[in-house]
Protein backbone atom coordinates (compact mmCIF):
# COMPACT_ATOMS: atom_id res chain seq x y z
CA UNK A 1 -26.33 107.15 62.05
CA UNK A 2 -24.40 107.07 65.34
CA UNK A 3 -25.24 105.04 68.38
CA UNK A 4 -23.90 105.67 71.85
CA UNK A 5 -23.80 102.69 74.17
CA UNK A 6 -24.37 102.42 77.88
CA UNK A 7 -21.65 102.43 80.55
CA UNK A 8 -18.95 104.75 81.75
CA UNK A 9 -16.44 103.59 79.17
CA UNK A 10 -18.87 103.74 76.29
CA UNK A 11 -17.61 105.05 72.96
CA UNK A 12 -19.38 106.04 69.80
CA UNK A 13 -19.38 103.58 66.89
CA UNK A 14 -20.99 104.37 63.58
CA UNK A 15 -23.24 101.61 62.26
CA UNK A 16 -22.18 99.05 64.90
CA UNK A 17 -24.20 96.26 63.30
CA UNK A 18 -22.20 96.76 60.11
CA UNK A 19 -18.92 96.47 62.01
CA UNK A 20 -20.04 93.17 63.50
CA UNK A 21 -21.30 91.96 60.11
CA UNK A 22 -17.95 92.61 58.45
CA UNK A 23 -16.12 91.01 61.37
CA UNK A 24 -18.24 87.85 61.19
CA UNK A 25 -17.65 87.59 57.45
CA UNK A 26 -13.90 88.14 57.69
CA UNK A 27 -13.52 85.54 60.45
CA UNK A 28 -15.32 82.98 58.32
CA UNK A 29 -13.52 83.87 55.10
CA UNK A 30 -10.14 83.39 56.79
CA UNK A 31 -11.15 80.06 58.29
CA UNK A 32 -9.17 77.38 56.46
CA UNK A 33 -11.69 74.60 57.14
CA UNK A 34 -14.51 76.72 55.72
CA UNK A 35 -12.54 77.50 52.57
CA UNK A 36 -11.49 73.87 52.14
CA UNK A 37 -15.06 72.56 52.55
CA UNK A 38 -16.35 75.14 50.06
CA UNK A 39 -13.63 74.21 47.56
CA UNK A 40 -14.29 70.50 48.03
CA UNK A 41 -18.00 71.00 47.41
CA UNK A 42 -17.27 72.91 44.21
CA UNK A 43 -15.01 70.09 43.04
CA UNK A 44 -17.78 67.58 43.77
CA UNK A 45 -20.27 69.69 41.79
CA UNK A 46 -17.94 69.89 38.80
CA UNK A 47 -17.19 66.18 39.05
CA UNK A 48 -20.89 65.33 39.17
CA UNK A 49 -21.66 67.45 36.10
CA UNK A 50 -18.64 66.01 34.31
CA UNK A 51 -19.69 62.43 35.00
CA UNK A 52 -23.24 63.16 33.85
CA UNK A 53 -21.95 64.74 30.64
CA UNK A 54 -19.62 61.79 30.01
CA UNK A 55 -22.36 59.23 30.55
CA UNK A 56 -24.87 61.10 28.39
CA UNK A 57 -22.36 61.59 25.56
CA UNK A 58 -21.32 57.95 25.32
CA UNK A 59 -22.57 56.17 22.23
CA UNK A 60 -22.79 52.48 21.44
CA UNK A 61 -22.14 50.84 18.09
CA UNK A 62 -24.30 47.70 17.96
CA UNK A 63 -23.26 44.92 15.60
CA UNK A 64 -25.67 42.07 14.83
CA UNK A 65 -24.63 38.95 12.95
CA UNK A 66 -27.23 37.66 10.46
CA UNK A 67 -27.33 34.58 8.21
CA UNK A 68 -30.29 35.42 5.94
CA UNK A 69 -31.77 38.28 3.94
CA UNK A 70 -34.84 38.29 6.19
CA UNK A 71 -32.71 38.75 9.30
CA UNK A 72 -30.78 41.54 7.58
CA UNK A 73 -34.07 43.29 6.73
CA UNK A 74 -35.19 43.06 10.38
CA UNK A 75 -31.95 44.69 11.53
CA UNK A 76 -32.37 47.47 8.97
CA UNK A 77 -35.94 47.96 10.19
CA UNK A 78 -34.74 48.22 13.81
CA UNK A 79 -32.06 50.80 13.04
CA UNK A 80 -34.33 53.90 13.38
CA UNK A 81 -35.28 52.85 16.90
CA UNK A 82 -31.59 52.83 17.86
CA UNK A 83 -30.65 56.12 16.21
CA UNK A 84 -33.85 58.13 16.76
CA UNK A 85 -32.88 59.76 20.11
CA UNK A 86 -29.71 61.48 18.77
CA UNK A 87 -27.59 59.55 21.27
CA UNK A 88 -25.03 58.65 18.62
CA UNK A 89 -25.82 54.92 18.82
CA UNK A 90 -25.56 52.93 15.60
CA UNK A 91 -26.77 49.53 14.42
CA UNK A 92 -25.05 47.44 11.74
CA UNK A 93 -25.84 44.02 10.28
CA UNK A 94 -22.92 41.70 9.52
CA UNK A 95 -23.87 39.03 6.98
CA UNK A 96 -22.40 35.57 7.55
CA UNK A 97 -22.90 32.33 5.59
CA UNK A 98 -24.85 30.36 8.20
CA UNK A 99 -26.13 30.24 11.80
CA UNK A 100 -23.00 28.52 13.10
CA UNK A 101 -20.82 31.31 11.73
CA UNK A 102 -23.12 33.89 13.31
CA UNK A 103 -22.89 32.16 16.71
CA UNK A 104 -19.10 31.93 16.32
CA UNK A 105 -18.95 35.70 15.69
CA UNK A 106 -20.81 36.32 18.94
CA UNK A 107 -18.58 33.90 20.85
CA UNK A 108 -15.49 35.65 19.46
CA UNK A 109 -17.02 39.01 20.49
CA UNK A 110 -16.97 40.17 16.88
CA UNK A 111 -20.71 40.83 17.12
CA UNK A 112 -22.89 41.96 20.03
CA UNK A 113 -25.63 39.49 19.10
CA UNK A 114 -26.85 37.23 16.34
CA UNK A 115 -30.37 37.28 14.91
CA UNK A 116 -31.33 33.86 13.54
CA UNK A 117 -34.53 32.82 11.78
CA UNK A 118 -36.14 29.45 12.44
CA UNK A 119 -39.26 27.82 11.03
CA UNK A 120 -41.41 28.82 14.00
CA UNK A 121 -39.86 32.20 14.90
CA UNK A 122 -36.65 34.04 15.65
CA UNK A 123 -33.74 33.63 18.06
CA UNK A 124 -31.57 36.42 19.44
CA UNK A 125 -28.20 35.01 20.48
CA UNK A 126 -25.93 36.77 22.95
CA UNK A 127 -22.70 35.87 24.73
CA UNK A 128 -23.53 36.54 28.38
CA UNK A 129 -26.35 39.04 27.85
CA UNK A 130 -27.96 41.29 25.28
CA UNK A 131 -28.41 45.06 25.65
CA UNK A 132 -31.99 45.90 26.61
CA UNK A 133 -32.00 48.69 24.02
CA UNK A 134 -30.89 46.34 21.25
CA UNK A 135 -33.25 43.55 22.32
CA UNK A 136 -36.24 45.90 22.43
CA UNK A 137 -35.50 47.41 19.01
CA UNK A 138 -35.03 44.01 17.35
CA UNK A 139 -38.09 42.59 19.09
CA UNK A 140 -40.30 45.41 17.82
CA UNK A 141 -38.88 44.99 14.33
CA UNK A 142 -39.52 41.23 14.37
CA UNK A 143 -43.13 41.79 15.47
CA UNK A 144 -43.70 44.38 12.75
CA UNK A 145 -42.18 42.13 10.10
CA UNK A 146 -44.23 39.12 11.18
CA UNK A 147 -47.41 41.19 11.29
CA UNK A 148 -46.90 42.39 7.74
CA UNK A 149 -46.25 38.83 6.50
CA UNK A 150 -49.32 37.48 8.27
CA UNK A 151 -51.48 40.31 6.96
CA UNK A 152 -50.42 39.57 3.37
CA UNK A 153 -51.14 35.87 3.88
CA UNK A 154 -54.60 36.70 5.18
CA UNK A 155 -55.32 39.02 2.27
CA UNK A 156 -55.58 42.14 4.41
CA UNK A 157 -53.37 44.98 5.57
CA UNK A 158 -51.51 45.83 8.74
CA UNK A 159 -53.59 48.98 9.14
CA UNK A 160 -56.79 46.95 9.12
CA UNK A 161 -55.44 44.43 11.61
CA UNK A 162 -54.20 47.08 14.04
CA UNK A 163 -57.14 49.50 13.77
CA UNK A 164 -58.16 50.74 17.20
CA UNK A 165 -55.10 49.30 18.94
CA UNK A 166 -53.22 52.58 19.42
CA UNK A 167 -52.42 53.40 23.05
CA UNK A 168 -51.35 56.91 23.99
CA UNK A 169 -49.86 57.83 27.35
CA UNK A 170 -50.92 61.00 29.16
CA UNK A 171 -48.83 62.02 32.20
CA UNK A 172 -50.63 64.26 34.67
CA UNK A 173 -47.48 65.12 36.63
CA UNK A 174 -45.41 66.44 33.78
CA UNK A 175 -43.41 63.37 32.81
CA UNK A 176 -39.75 64.22 32.41
CA UNK A 177 -40.25 67.48 34.29
CA UNK A 178 -41.66 65.60 37.28
CA UNK A 179 -38.71 63.22 37.32
CA UNK A 180 -36.25 66.10 37.11
CA UNK A 181 -38.17 67.98 39.81
CA UNK A 182 -37.38 65.21 42.29
CA UNK A 183 -33.67 65.77 41.76
CA UNK A 184 -34.03 69.54 42.00
CA UNK A 185 -36.09 69.14 45.17
CA UNK A 186 -33.28 67.12 46.71
CA UNK A 187 -30.78 69.87 45.82
CA UNK A 188 -32.99 72.60 47.35
CA UNK A 189 -33.54 70.62 50.54
CA UNK A 190 -29.91 69.60 50.88
CA UNK A 191 -28.57 73.14 50.36
CA UNK A 192 -30.93 74.57 52.97
CA UNK A 193 -30.09 71.77 55.41
CA UNK A 194 -26.32 72.15 55.06
CA UNK A 195 -26.35 75.95 55.22
CA UNK A 196 -28.68 76.00 58.23
CA UNK A 197 -26.54 73.52 60.16
CA UNK A 198 -23.07 74.78 59.20
CA UNK A 199 -23.70 78.51 59.55
CA UNK A 200 -26.15 78.06 62.42
CA UNK A 201 -23.60 76.21 64.50
CA UNK A 202 -21.04 78.85 63.54
CA UNK A 203 -23.29 81.57 64.96
CA UNK A 204 -23.97 79.66 68.17
CA UNK A 205 -20.30 78.79 68.71
CA UNK A 206 -19.25 82.37 68.01
CA UNK A 207 -21.68 83.69 70.63
CA UNK A 208 -20.62 81.03 73.15
CA UNK A 209 -16.91 81.68 72.58
CA UNK A 210 -17.33 85.43 73.08
CA UNK A 211 -19.35 84.74 76.21
CA UNK A 212 -16.79 82.29 77.65
CA UNK A 213 -13.83 84.59 76.90
CA UNK A 214 -15.76 87.64 78.17
CA UNK A 215 -15.11 89.33 74.84
CA UNK A 216 -18.78 90.25 74.72
CA UNK A 217 -18.35 92.35 77.85
CA UNK A 218 -15.64 94.35 76.11
CA UNK A 219 -17.67 94.68 72.92
CA UNK A 220 -20.70 95.81 74.91
CA UNK A 221 -18.79 98.91 76.05
CA UNK A 222 -18.70 100.13 72.45
CA UNK A 223 -21.58 98.34 70.73
CA UNK A 224 -25.16 97.81 71.94
CA UNK A 225 -25.71 94.13 72.65
CA UNK A 226 -28.64 93.88 70.27
CA UNK A 227 -26.40 95.22 67.49
CA UNK A 228 -24.10 92.26 68.07
CA UNK A 229 -27.03 89.98 67.36
CA UNK A 230 -28.03 91.88 64.21
CA UNK A 231 -24.47 91.81 62.89
CA UNK A 232 -24.02 88.09 63.51
CA UNK A 233 -27.31 87.21 61.86
CA UNK A 234 -26.70 89.47 58.87
CA UNK A 235 -23.06 88.45 58.37
CA UNK A 236 -23.78 84.74 58.40
CA UNK A 237 -26.89 85.18 56.25
CA UNK A 238 -24.83 86.97 53.60
CA UNK A 239 -22.16 84.28 53.72
CA UNK A 240 -24.69 81.44 53.51
CA UNK A 241 -26.47 83.08 50.59
CA UNK A 242 -23.17 83.81 48.83
CA UNK A 243 -22.06 80.20 49.24
CA UNK A 244 -25.33 78.83 47.86
CA UNK A 245 -25.19 81.35 44.98
CA UNK A 246 -21.59 80.31 44.24
CA UNK A 247 -22.61 76.66 44.07
CA UNK A 248 -25.53 77.51 41.80
CA UNK A 249 -23.47 79.68 39.43
CA UNK A 250 -20.68 77.12 39.13
CA UNK A 251 -23.20 74.34 38.55
CA UNK A 252 -25.09 76.31 35.87
CA UNK A 253 -21.88 77.26 34.07
CA UNK A 254 -20.70 73.65 34.16
CA UNK A 255 -24.07 72.37 32.96
CA UNK A 256 -24.07 74.84 30.05
CA UNK A 257 -20.48 74.05 29.06
CA UNK A 258 -21.30 70.33 29.18
CA UNK A 259 -24.36 70.88 26.99
CA UNK A 260 -26.80 69.55 29.57
CA UNK A 261 -28.87 72.73 30.05
CA UNK A 262 -31.27 72.38 27.14
CA UNK A 263 -34.36 71.69 29.28
CA UNK A 264 -33.49 73.55 32.49
CA UNK A 265 -34.92 76.97 31.68
CA UNK A 266 -38.20 76.27 33.46
CA UNK A 267 -36.28 75.87 36.74
CA UNK A 268 -35.08 79.48 36.89
CA UNK A 269 -38.29 80.87 38.37
CA UNK A 270 -38.44 78.28 41.16
CA UNK A 271 -34.72 78.75 41.83
CA UNK A 272 -35.25 82.49 42.28
CA UNK A 273 -38.06 81.86 44.74
CA UNK A 274 -35.84 79.38 46.59
CA UNK A 275 -33.23 82.09 47.15
CA UNK A 276 -35.85 84.47 48.55
CA UNK A 277 -37.31 81.80 50.83
CA UNK A 278 -33.81 80.70 51.80
CA UNK A 279 -32.97 84.16 53.11
CA UNK A 280 -36.20 84.49 55.12
CA UNK A 281 -35.94 81.01 56.59
CA UNK A 282 -32.26 81.33 57.39
CA UNK A 283 -32.75 84.65 59.22
CA UNK A 284 -35.41 83.01 61.39
CA UNK A 285 -33.12 80.11 62.22
CA UNK A 286 -30.07 82.33 62.73
CA UNK A 287 -31.87 84.20 65.51
CA UNK A 288 -32.57 80.92 67.28
CA UNK A 289 -28.97 79.75 66.89
CA UNK A 290 -27.69 82.99 68.41
CA UNK A 291 -30.04 82.60 71.37
CA UNK A 292 -28.88 79.01 71.92
CA UNK A 293 -25.30 80.23 72.06
CA UNK A 294 -26.17 82.94 74.57
CA UNK A 295 -28.06 80.49 76.83
CA UNK A 296 -25.14 78.04 77.02
CA UNK A 297 -22.14 78.36 79.30
CA UNK A 298 -20.04 75.61 77.71
CA UNK A 299 -20.00 73.46 74.57
CA UNK A 300 -21.86 70.60 76.25
CA UNK A 301 -24.79 72.90 77.01
CA UNK A 302 -24.94 73.99 73.40
CA UNK A 303 -24.94 70.43 72.11
CA UNK A 304 -27.86 69.50 74.38
CA UNK A 305 -29.90 72.58 73.43
CA UNK A 306 -29.73 72.25 69.66
CA UNK A 307 -32.19 69.35 69.39
CA UNK A 308 -35.35 71.42 68.69
CA UNK A 309 -33.81 73.62 66.00
CA UNK A 310 -32.13 70.65 64.30
CA UNK A 311 -35.51 68.93 64.44
CA UNK A 312 -37.09 71.86 62.56
CA UNK A 313 -34.34 71.71 59.94
CA UNK A 314 -34.83 67.94 59.55
CA UNK A 315 -38.58 68.46 59.09
CA UNK A 316 -37.82 70.93 56.30
CA UNK A 317 -35.43 68.42 54.73
CA UNK A 318 -37.89 65.52 54.85
CA UNK A 319 -40.75 67.71 53.66
CA UNK A 320 -38.71 68.58 50.62
CA UNK A 321 -37.67 65.00 49.95
CA UNK A 322 -40.77 62.96 50.75
CA UNK A 323 -43.90 65.12 51.14
CA UNK A 324 -46.47 64.81 48.38
CA UNK A 325 -49.95 66.14 47.66
CA UNK A 326 -51.75 67.72 50.59
CA UNK A 327 -48.78 67.18 52.90
CA UNK A 328 -46.48 69.18 50.63
CA UNK A 329 -49.12 71.87 50.21
CA UNK A 330 -49.56 72.19 53.96
CA UNK A 331 -45.79 72.24 54.56
CA UNK A 332 -45.40 75.05 52.04
CA UNK A 333 -47.26 77.40 54.42
CA UNK A 334 -45.35 76.49 57.59
CA UNK A 335 -42.64 79.11 58.25
CA UNK A 336 -39.06 77.83 57.85
CA UNK A 337 -40.29 74.49 56.47
CA UNK A 338 -41.82 76.49 53.61
CA UNK A 339 -38.31 77.64 52.66
CA UNK A 340 -37.89 74.22 51.08
CA UNK A 341 -41.46 73.04 50.52
CA UNK A 342 -42.81 75.99 48.52
CA UNK A 343 -39.98 76.16 45.93
CA UNK A 344 -40.31 72.40 45.45
CA UNK A 345 -44.06 72.78 44.90
CA UNK A 346 -43.31 75.40 42.27
CA UNK A 347 -40.94 73.02 40.52
CA UNK A 348 -43.37 70.11 40.55
CA UNK A 349 -46.72 71.85 39.99
CA UNK A 350 -48.30 74.96 38.54
CA UNK A 351 -48.75 77.21 41.58
CA UNK A 352 -50.75 80.44 41.56
CA UNK A 353 -48.66 83.55 42.20
CA UNK A 354 -50.51 84.43 45.40
CA UNK A 355 -49.44 81.17 47.06
CA UNK A 356 -45.66 81.76 47.22
CA UNK A 357 -46.31 85.42 48.06
CA UNK A 358 -48.56 84.47 50.98
CA UNK A 359 -46.13 81.79 52.16
CA UNK A 360 -43.21 84.21 51.94
CA UNK A 361 -45.08 86.84 53.96
CA UNK A 362 -45.73 84.26 56.67
CA UNK A 363 -42.06 83.30 56.73
CA UNK A 364 -40.92 86.94 56.84
CA UNK A 365 -43.34 87.64 59.68
CA UNK A 366 -42.04 84.60 61.58
CA UNK A 367 -38.44 85.71 60.97
CA UNK A 368 -39.21 89.19 62.32
CA UNK A 369 -40.93 87.85 65.43
CA UNK A 370 -38.14 85.37 66.11
CA UNK A 371 -35.54 88.08 65.62
CA UNK A 372 -37.28 90.34 68.13
CA UNK A 373 -37.75 87.49 70.59
CA UNK A 374 -34.13 86.47 70.09
CA UNK A 375 -33.06 90.04 70.71
CA UNK A 376 -34.81 90.12 74.09
CA UNK A 377 -33.34 86.81 75.24
CA UNK A 378 -29.90 87.48 73.78
CA UNK A 379 -29.53 90.80 75.62
CA UNK A 380 -30.45 89.13 78.90
CA UNK A 381 -28.49 85.88 78.57
CA UNK A 382 -25.27 86.74 76.79
CA UNK A 383 -23.83 88.63 79.78
CA UNK A 384 -24.65 85.82 82.23
CA UNK A 385 -21.81 83.37 82.73
CA UNK A 386 -21.21 80.38 84.98
CA UNK A 387 -24.37 78.39 84.32
CA UNK A 388 -26.64 77.46 81.45
CA UNK A 389 -30.02 79.16 81.18
CA UNK A 390 -33.39 78.14 79.88
CA UNK A 391 -35.51 80.40 77.70
CA UNK A 392 -37.86 81.07 80.61
CA UNK A 393 -35.02 81.89 83.01
CA UNK A 394 -33.47 84.27 80.50
CA UNK A 395 -36.74 86.13 80.01
CA UNK A 396 -36.94 86.78 83.75
CA UNK A 397 -33.55 88.51 83.80
CA UNK A 398 -33.22 92.24 83.36
CA UNK A 399 -31.95 93.42 79.99
């Protein structure tokens, strides 16, 4: 398709929006600061996954000094509680002749703790502290041992004494999944926030720079002004999406290599929806950023005009991080904010298919309307230099 622009010096450019798109992408991809920030973020992602893998793979070998057969039996009884979670932790009893020798072993750091039996109970001896995991396992073992001894003395059984005392926990919010969803929600919100700010400001500054240098007047002789807007929005949307996808791919590969991806399969669906919502929400914001650049005449004007759009982005961020219940549900249907809120809802809760579809349609509709509105204002304002314009003043100008 060919488009012929207005003006005596107009030339014919095939697919002008595509030319602008490629130009926007090439400018960004040759920007050293952009490449350095992207590389630094990737390093931080790999470092974070590496630290998590290191911490999760560390095992502890617990050594407990004992001075009696009964204490040794308690340690043996506690061992399954230490080794049951496949963490690699171990528990070993070191038999010593008496309590003083056991305390000396702890003081010399030859044992992590000493378990000593007294006439009226048990004592767990540590140097400057005892691991909570070890203390809990030994405490449960001591209680079980004492209960069995008391049951035998009373001529009954442990089962009879503990009948009806079982307590089961039921988690309505998914337990481990809910806890993990909070972290995933932070990642979704943070990625959208960073991309919207970084690439949004890039769009606005690009428009302002072309306006200040009168490059836009030269471009307008060959390319329709509205095609400039389309190209800038599309080019930066592709770059933002590619950057987020790069982060996600690197993170998933690192997580799989580190062996941390066993329980992450259920996130794939919500992550896919996040990408779709990300594109729709970013396009809506990109149109606004381009308009802000066209309304400004200098950098100070741009800085003072960005408050509302940054406010919208902050609302999306806080909705993703802090909204719960009805607030999160309501936010998931507000265009742009829904780009973060709806994927987070899908991570945390079971959401009917029609809900993200309806929310996405609302966001797409808002993006289309904002793009058309941005087109009208952009065509009127971008050729006006010398003074900053308001939205209302720009609408009164002739296209």
